[in-house]
């Protein structure tokens, strides 16, 4: 069994790492907040003192971090320590440009695979994430399959690119549902009536995500993902959605909460004059 290092034990990373332990992989874990590794250590993982300690003997290194800046910072630490023959599987949502940048920095003998995921915390716990794998993923596809079905997307960076496409549709759909519910509120319709009608239409999946419970995808992460998408192409509708989620993320009670909380924020948002925007 491959020795695996898993860096980033947030809402998604921690349950993903558990699947590797359950499969019998020798697992070393690291997280910036060290206490988040305690439960995994109790289940049999080794806690690394720092990222270099985590990856030094690893056959496969997996990173699941918040965004481009965190990934670049970790890359600066671990790249000199990766052994020849190792795979670095970057599973964060960072966009294809960052992946191609990392590819230029990876030392000879190390294979970079970009493999972001589709699905939220419930899918991570269940091992039912959708894995979008770009690059030469053949050597680690069996590892990625521990997290859920693997879709091979093409060359390096294509996994990251497809993840932006998917997230743009999901976040945009949730934003549209929020505005539709805002209109329903303004017209005096009951939430149940409007929600049921929307759920039976083409936005049914977005309605389910807009009102989901027991999952987590923070509004701050949604803003990050929309920014990556709108920097890659002109997307006027998503620029408007970005404004909604930026306003939600400015609220300290909403910023790190699931995007379903942002739906309520969008429905009740008021402008500077005290009226609804």
Protein backbone atom coordinates (compact mmCIF):
# COMPACT_ATOMS: atom_id res chain seq x y z
CA UNK A 1 0.00 0.00 0.00
CA UNK A 2 1.30 3.43 -0.92
CA UNK A 3 2.46 5.73 1.84
CA UNK A 4 0.22 8.78 1.58
CA UNK A 5 0.60 12.29 2.98
CA UNK A 6 -2.61 14.30 3.27
CA UNK A 7 -2.27 18.06 3.79
CA UNK A 8 -5.38 20.06 4.67
CA UNK A 9 -7.90 18.61 7.11
CA UNK A 10 -10.83 20.98 6.73
CA UNK A 11 -14.49 20.11 6.21
CA UNK A 12 -13.62 18.08 3.11
CA UNK A 13 -10.10 16.87 3.82
CA UNK A 14 -10.72 15.18 7.15
CA UNK A 15 -13.41 12.73 5.94
CA UNK A 16 -11.43 12.08 2.76
CA UNK A 17 -8.36 11.16 4.80
CA UNK A 18 -10.47 8.75 6.83
CA UNK A 19 -11.26 6.74 3.69
CA UNK A 20 -7.54 6.28 3.09
CA UNK A 21 -7.06 5.00 6.62
CA UNK A 22 -10.00 2.66 6.24
CA UNK A 23 -8.43 1.25 3.07
CA UNK A 24 -5.23 0.45 4.97
CA UNK A 25 -2.89 3.09 3.55
CA UNK A 26 -0.08 4.23 5.86
CA UNK A 27 -1.17 7.84 6.31
CA UNK A 28 0.64 10.95 7.48
CA UNK A 29 -1.45 14.07 7.99
CA UNK A 30 -0.75 17.74 8.46
CA UNK A 31 -2.97 20.75 9.05
CA UNK A 32 -2.15 24.34 9.87
CA UNK A 33 -4.32 24.02 12.99
CA UNK A 34 -2.66 20.94 14.44
CA UNK A 35 -5.57 19.95 16.68
CA UNK A 36 -7.65 19.08 13.59
CA UNK A 37 -5.40 16.05 13.11
CA UNK A 38 -6.10 14.60 16.57
CA UNK A 39 -9.08 12.44 15.59
CA UNK A 40 -7.21 10.96 12.62
CA UNK A 41 -4.17 10.26 14.77
CA UNK A 42 -6.48 8.44 17.15
CA UNK A 43 -7.65 6.35 14.18
CA UNK A 44 -4.10 5.40 13.19
CA UNK A 45 -2.60 8.28 11.20
CA UNK A 46 0.73 9.90 11.98
CA UNK A 47 0.74 13.64 12.62
CA UNK A 48 3.57 15.47 10.86
CA UNK A 49 5.37 18.34 12.51
CA UNK A 50 5.30 20.37 9.30
CA UNK A 51 4.56 19.92 5.58
CA UNK A 52 8.11 18.80 4.78
CA UNK A 53 7.96 16.13 7.49
CA UNK A 54 4.63 14.99 6.03
CA UNK A 55 5.80 14.45 2.45
CA UNK A 56 9.40 13.34 2.82
CA UNK A 57 8.72 9.59 2.56
CA UNK A 58 5.35 9.71 0.79
CA UNK A 59 4.57 7.88 -2.42
CA UNK A 60 1.47 10.04 -2.90
CA UNK A 61 0.95 13.56 -1.57
CA UNK A 62 -2.60 14.93 -1.52
CA UNK A 63 -3.37 18.59 -0.88
CA UNK A 64 -6.87 19.80 -0.10
CA UNK A 65 -6.49 23.48 0.75
CA UNK A 66 -8.54 26.66 0.75
CA UNK A 67 -7.31 28.30 -2.44
CA UNK A 68 -4.44 29.41 -4.70
CA UNK A 69 -2.46 31.31 -2.06
CA UNK A 70 -2.48 28.37 0.35
CA UNK A 71 -1.46 25.97 -2.41
CA UNK A 72 1.40 28.19 -3.57
CA UNK A 73 2.65 28.50 0.01
CA UNK A 74 2.58 24.74 0.54
CA UNK A 75 4.26 24.17 -2.83
CA UNK A 76 7.17 26.33 -1.77
CA UNK A 77 7.67 24.12 1.26
CA UNK A 78 7.13 20.62 -0.12
CA UNK A 79 8.50 20.67 -3.66
CA UNK A 80 12.17 20.36 -2.64
CA UNK A 81 11.26 17.47 -0.31
CA UNK A 82 9.24 15.32 -2.77
CA UNK A 83 11.10 12.15 -3.69
CA UNK A 84 11.55 10.99 -7.27
CA UNK A 85 8.66 8.78 -8.34
CA UNK A 86 6.15 10.48 -6.07
CA UNK A 87 2.77 11.78 -7.17
CA UNK A 88 1.41 15.11 -6.03
CA UNK A 89 -2.39 15.10 -6.28
CA UNK A 90 -3.70 18.66 -5.97
CA UNK A 91 -7.41 18.47 -5.07
CA UNK A 92 -8.11 22.07 -4.08
CA UNK A 93 -10.19 24.37 -6.28
CA UNK A 94 -7.56 26.70 -7.73
CA UNK A 95 -8.24 26.93 -11.48
CA UNK A 96 -6.14 25.68 -14.40
CA UNK A 97 -3.71 28.61 -14.47
CA UNK A 98 -2.45 27.80 -10.98
CA UNK A 99 -2.13 24.11 -11.87
CA UNK A 100 -0.03 24.95 -14.94
CA UNK A 101 2.08 27.26 -12.78
CA UNK A 102 2.67 24.41 -10.33
CA UNK A 103 3.52 22.03 -13.17
CA UNK A 104 6.43 24.29 -14.10
CA UNK A 105 7.73 24.10 -10.53
CA UNK A 106 7.45 20.34 -9.97
CA UNK A 107 10.90 18.68 -9.92
CA UNK A 108 11.86 15.99 -12.40
CA UNK A 109 10.60 12.57 -11.43
CA UNK A 110 7.48 13.90 -9.66
CA UNK A 111 4.06 13.64 -11.34
CA UNK A 112 1.47 16.36 -10.74
CA UNK A 113 -2.20 15.39 -11.02
CA UNK A 114 -4.98 17.95 -10.63
CA UNK A 115 -8.03 16.22 -9.19
CA UNK A 116 -10.61 18.58 -7.66
CA UNK A 117 -13.87 17.09 -6.47
CA UNK A 118 -17.58 17.47 -7.13
CA UNK A 119 -19.77 17.26 -4.05
CA UNK A 120 -19.90 18.62 -0.54
CA UNK A 121 -19.19 17.29 2.93
CA UNK A 122 -21.96 14.69 2.85
CA UNK A 123 -20.46 13.12 -0.27
CA UNK A 124 -16.98 13.27 1.25
CA UNK A 125 -18.16 11.34 4.30
CA UNK A 126 -19.94 8.76 2.16
CA UNK A 127 -17.04 8.27 -0.26
CA UNK A 128 -19.24 9.43 -3.13
CA UNK A 129 -17.41 12.50 -4.40
CA UNK A 130 -16.92 12.93 -8.13
CA UNK A 131 -13.20 13.16 -8.88
CA UNK A 132 -12.15 15.22 -11.92
CA UNK A 133 -8.64 14.00 -12.71
CA UNK A 134 -6.39 15.87 -15.11
CA UNK A 135 -2.91 14.81 -16.19
CA UNK A 136 -1.22 11.42 -15.89
CA UNK A 137 -3.52 9.99 -13.22
CA UNK A 138 -3.15 6.30 -14.08
CA UNK A 139 -0.73 5.63 -11.24
CA UNK A 140 -3.06 7.08 -8.59
CA UNK A 141 -6.52 6.40 -10.00
CA UNK A 142 -7.01 3.54 -7.53
CA UNK A 143 -6.21 5.93 -4.67
CA UNK A 144 -8.57 8.59 -5.98
CA UNK A 145 -11.30 5.97 -6.29
CA UNK A 146 -11.30 5.72 -2.47
CA UNK A 147 -13.13 9.07 -2.54
CA UNK A 148 -15.63 8.26 -5.29
CA UNK A 149 -15.94 7.74 -9.06
CA UNK A 150 -13.05 9.12 -11.11
CA UNK A 151 -13.54 11.00 -14.39
CA UNK A 152 -10.42 11.42 -16.51
CA UNK A 153 -10.65 14.90 -18.02
CA UNK A 154 -7.53 15.14 -20.21
CA UNK A 155 -4.18 16.86 -19.79
CA UNK A 156 -2.82 18.63 -16.74
CA UNK A 157 -5.12 21.47 -15.72
CA UNK A 158 -8.27 20.08 -17.30
CA UNK A 159 -9.58 18.74 -13.99
CA UNK A 160 -9.20 22.18 -12.46
CA UNK A 161 -10.84 23.76 -15.52
CA UNK A 162 -13.86 21.46 -15.43
CA UNK A 163 -14.26 22.08 -11.69
CA UNK A 164 -14.63 25.81 -12.40
CA UNK A 165 -17.29 25.06 -15.00
CA UNK A 166 -19.20 22.83 -12.59
CA UNK A 167 -18.96 25.25 -9.67
CA UNK A 168 -20.01 28.17 -11.83
CA UNK A 169 -23.20 26.31 -12.73
CA UNK A 170 -23.87 25.27 -9.12
CA UNK A 171 -23.21 28.64 -7.50
CA UNK A 172 -24.97 30.51 -10.30
CA UNK A 173 -27.98 28.22 -9.95
CA UNK A 174 -28.12 28.78 -6.20
CA UNK A 175 -27.92 32.54 -6.73
CA UNK A 176 -30.75 32.40 -9.26
CA UNK A 177 -32.90 30.36 -6.88
CA UNK A 178 -32.26 32.94 -4.17
CA UNK A 179 -33.42 35.73 -6.48
CA UNK A 180 -36.49 33.75 -7.54
CA UNK A 181 -37.38 33.25 -3.88
CA UNK A 182 -36.81 36.97 -3.31
CA UNK A 183 -39.36 37.66 -6.04
CA UNK A 184 -41.76 35.17 -4.47
CA UNK A 185 -41.37 37.00 -1.14
CA UNK A 186 -42.08 40.34 -2.82
CA UNK A 187 -45.20 38.95 -4.48
CA UNK A 188 -46.53 37.54 -1.24
CA UNK A 189 -46.22 33.87 -2.13
CA UNK A 190 -45.57 31.35 0.62
CA UNK A 191 -42.07 29.90 0.72
CA UNK A 192 -43.40 26.35 0.52
CA UNK A 193 -45.47 27.07 -2.59
CA UNK A 194 -42.66 28.81 -4.47
CA UNK A 195 -40.02 26.34 -3.39
CA UNK A 196 -42.12 23.35 -4.44
CA UNK A 197 -42.83 24.82 -7.86
CA UNK A 198 -39.15 25.63 -8.46
CA UNK A 199 -38.08 22.17 -7.30
CA UNK A 200 -40.29 20.60 -9.99
CA UNK A 201 -38.74 22.71 -12.75
CA UNK A 202 -35.35 22.76 -14.49
CA UNK A 203 -33.69 24.32 -11.43
CA UNK A 204 -34.64 21.40 -9.20
CA UNK A 205 -31.04 20.48 -8.38
CA UNK A 206 -30.16 24.08 -7.55
CA UNK A 207 -33.23 24.33 -5.31
CA UNK A 208 -32.10 21.26 -3.38
CA UNK A 209 -28.63 22.77 -2.92
CA UNK A 210 -29.98 26.20 -1.98
CA UNK A 211 -31.91 24.70 0.94
CA UNK A 212 -29.52 21.87 1.81
CA UNK A 213 -28.78 21.02 5.43
CA UNK A 214 -25.88 19.13 6.93
CA UNK A 215 -23.39 20.11 4.19
CA UNK A 216 -20.73 22.78 4.01
CA UNK A 217 -19.40 25.03 1.25
CA UNK A 218 -18.61 28.44 2.70
CA UNK A 219 -19.69 31.68 1.08
CA UNK A 220 -16.06 32.84 1.19
CA UNK A 221 -15.09 29.81 -0.91
CA UNK A 222 -17.94 30.52 -3.33
CA UNK A 223 -16.58 34.05 -3.82
CA UNK A 224 -13.12 32.63 -4.48
CA UNK A 225 -14.45 30.17 -7.07
CA UNK A 226 -16.56 32.79 -8.86
CA UNK A 227 -13.54 35.10 -8.97
CA UNK A 228 -11.46 32.36 -10.62
CA UNK A 229 -14.20 31.81 -13.20
CA UNK A 230 -14.82 35.47 -14.02
CA UNK A 231 -11.09 36.06 -14.41
CA UNK A 232 -10.97 33.31 -17.03
CA UNK A 233 -13.88 34.52 -19.19
CA UNK A 234 -16.42 37.33 -19.47
CA UNK A 235 -19.42 36.10 -17.47
CA UNK A 236 -21.82 39.01 -16.82
CA UNK A 237 -24.42 36.88 -15.03
CA UNK A 238 -21.80 35.42 -12.72
CA UNK A 239 -20.46 38.91 -11.98
CA UNK A 240 -23.91 39.71 -10.58
CA UNK A 241 -23.93 36.48 -8.59
CA UNK A 242 -20.47 37.32 -7.32
CA UNK A 243 -21.83 40.59 -5.94
CA UNK A 244 -24.50 38.68 -4.02
CA UNK A 245 -22.04 36.28 -2.46
CA UNK A 246 -19.49 39.00 -1.71
CA UNK A 247 -22.19 40.85 0.24
CA UNK A 248 -23.03 37.63 2.09
CA UNK A 249 -19.36 36.93 2.80
CA UNK A 250 -19.00 40.43 4.28
CA UNK A 251 -21.36 39.35 7.06
CA UNK A 252 -19.25 37.69 9.79
CA UNK A 253 -22.19 35.46 10.67
CA UNK A 254 -22.40 34.12 7.12
CA UNK A 255 -18.87 34.26 5.65
CA UNK A 256 -17.75 30.75 6.64
CA UNK A 257 -21.22 29.20 6.72
CA UNK A 258 -22.69 27.06 3.95
CA UNK A 259 -23.97 28.87 0.86
CA UNK A 260 -27.52 28.00 1.90
CA UNK A 261 -27.11 30.74 4.52
CA UNK A 262 -26.22 33.15 1.72
CA UNK A 263 -29.59 32.40 0.11
CA UNK A 264 -31.33 33.89 3.13
CA UNK A 265 -28.95 36.86 3.01
CA UNK A 266 -29.74 37.47 -0.68
CA UNK A 267 -33.49 37.23 -0.08
CA UNK A 268 -33.41 39.80 2.74
CA UNK A 269 -30.57 42.08 1.61
CA UNK A 270 -31.30 45.81 1.84
CA UNK A 271 -29.64 48.76 0.14
CA UNK A 272 -28.25 51.88 1.82
CA UNK A 273 -31.67 53.57 1.72
CA UNK A 274 -33.25 50.77 3.68
CA UNK A 275 -35.12 49.19 0.78
CA UNK A 276 -34.43 45.86 -0.82
CA UNK A 277 -31.79 45.92 -3.56
